[in-house]
């Protein structure tokens, strides 16, 4: 049986990092690094993407890495309504 983050009641790292940023007086994230241990590129889930968007400036660098280094990067841009 596969367990999801919600089933395990674990707080995603992105939410913890944003909380630490706010507690330290920060208000705007400039970049985020997401890291996994396997060969697949790991990206933030939808809930984490929403949280990141709420604390991002006009653009936010999202970098994906494994133990060997950064494997991909992209900018998350503000949505235009």
Protein backbone atom coordinates (compact mmCIF):
# COMPACT_ATOMS: atom_id res chain seq x y z
CA UNK A 1 0.00 0.00 0.00
CA UNK A 2 1.34 3.42 -0.93
CA UNK A 3 0.91 6.17 1.64
CA UNK A 4 0.40 9.78 0.68
CA UNK A 5 1.64 12.77 2.64
CA UNK A 6 -1.89 13.40 3.91
CA UNK A 7 -2.24 9.81 5.17
CA UNK A 8 1.04 10.06 7.04
CA UNK A 9 0.12 13.47 8.47
CA UNK A 10 3.52 14.83 7.41
CA UNK A 11 4.04 18.49 6.59
CA UNK A 12 5.60 18.99 3.14
CA UNK A 13 9.07 20.54 3.16
CA UNK A 14 7.89 23.51 1.07
CA UNK A 15 5.37 24.53 3.75
CA UNK A 16 8.02 24.18 6.47
CA UNK A 17 10.50 26.26 4.48
CA UNK A 18 7.95 29.00 3.84
CA UNK A 19 7.02 29.02 7.53
CA UNK A 20 10.69 29.39 8.49
CA UNK A 21 11.06 32.21 5.94
CA UNK A 22 8.11 34.11 7.43
CA UNK A 23 9.31 33.53 11.01
CA UNK A 24 12.69 34.99 10.00
CA UNK A 25 10.97 38.11 8.64
CA UNK A 26 10.90 37.17 4.95
CA UNK A 27 7.86 37.88 2.84
CA UNK A 28 8.77 36.81 -0.69
CA UNK A 29 10.38 33.60 -1.95
CA UNK A 30 12.84 34.02 -4.81
CA UNK A 31 13.74 30.36 -5.42
CA UNK A 32 13.02 26.87 -4.15
CA UNK A 33 15.04 23.68 -4.46
CA UNK A 34 13.18 20.36 -4.38
CA UNK A 35 15.32 17.25 -3.95
CA UNK A 36 14.63 13.53 -4.28
CA UNK A 37 16.80 10.48 -3.78
CA UNK A 38 15.85 8.49 -6.87
CA UNK A 39 16.42 8.93 -10.58
CA UNK A 40 13.07 10.68 -11.20
CA UNK A 41 12.77 14.47 -11.13
CA UNK A 42 10.68 15.54 -8.16
CA UNK A 43 8.47 18.64 -8.40
CA UNK A 44 6.22 20.33 -5.82
CA UNK A 45 2.68 18.94 -5.54
CA UNK A 46 -0.32 21.12 -6.39
CA UNK A 47 -0.85 22.24 -2.80
CA UNK A 48 2.79 23.23 -2.44
CA UNK A 49 2.72 25.04 -5.79
CA UNK A 50 -0.21 27.10 -4.51
CA UNK A 51 1.63 27.96 -1.29
CA UNK A 52 4.75 28.88 -3.27
CA UNK A 53 2.69 31.10 -5.59
CA UNK A 54 1.23 32.93 -2.57
CA UNK A 55 4.72 33.82 -1.34
CA UNK A 56 6.45 34.29 -4.72
CA UNK A 57 7.42 37.52 -6.37
CA UNK A 58 6.68 38.10 -10.04
CA UNK A 59 8.75 35.02 -10.85
CA UNK A 60 9.96 32.14 -8.70
CA UNK A 61 12.77 29.79 -9.67
CA UNK A 62 11.89 26.15 -8.99
CA UNK A 63 14.90 23.83 -9.16
CA UNK A 64 14.76 20.02 -9.01
CA UNK A 65 17.79 18.08 -7.82
CA UNK A 66 19.02 14.65 -6.85
CA UNK A 67 22.16 13.83 -4.81
CA UNK A 68 24.23 14.50 -7.97
CA UNK A 69 23.05 18.11 -8.33
CA UNK A 70 20.39 20.24 -10.03
CA UNK A 71 18.76 18.35 -12.91
CA UNK A 72 16.05 20.80 -14.01
CA UNK A 73 14.85 24.34 -13.37
CA UNK A 74 11.94 26.50 -14.40
CA UNK A 75 10.29 29.77 -13.50
CA UNK A 76 6.84 29.82 -11.99
CA UNK A 77 5.29 33.01 -13.27
CA UNK A 78 2.41 35.01 -11.87
CA UNK A 79 -0.88 34.00 -13.41
CA UNK A 80 -2.71 36.69 -15.32
CA UNK A 81 -6.41 36.88 -14.58
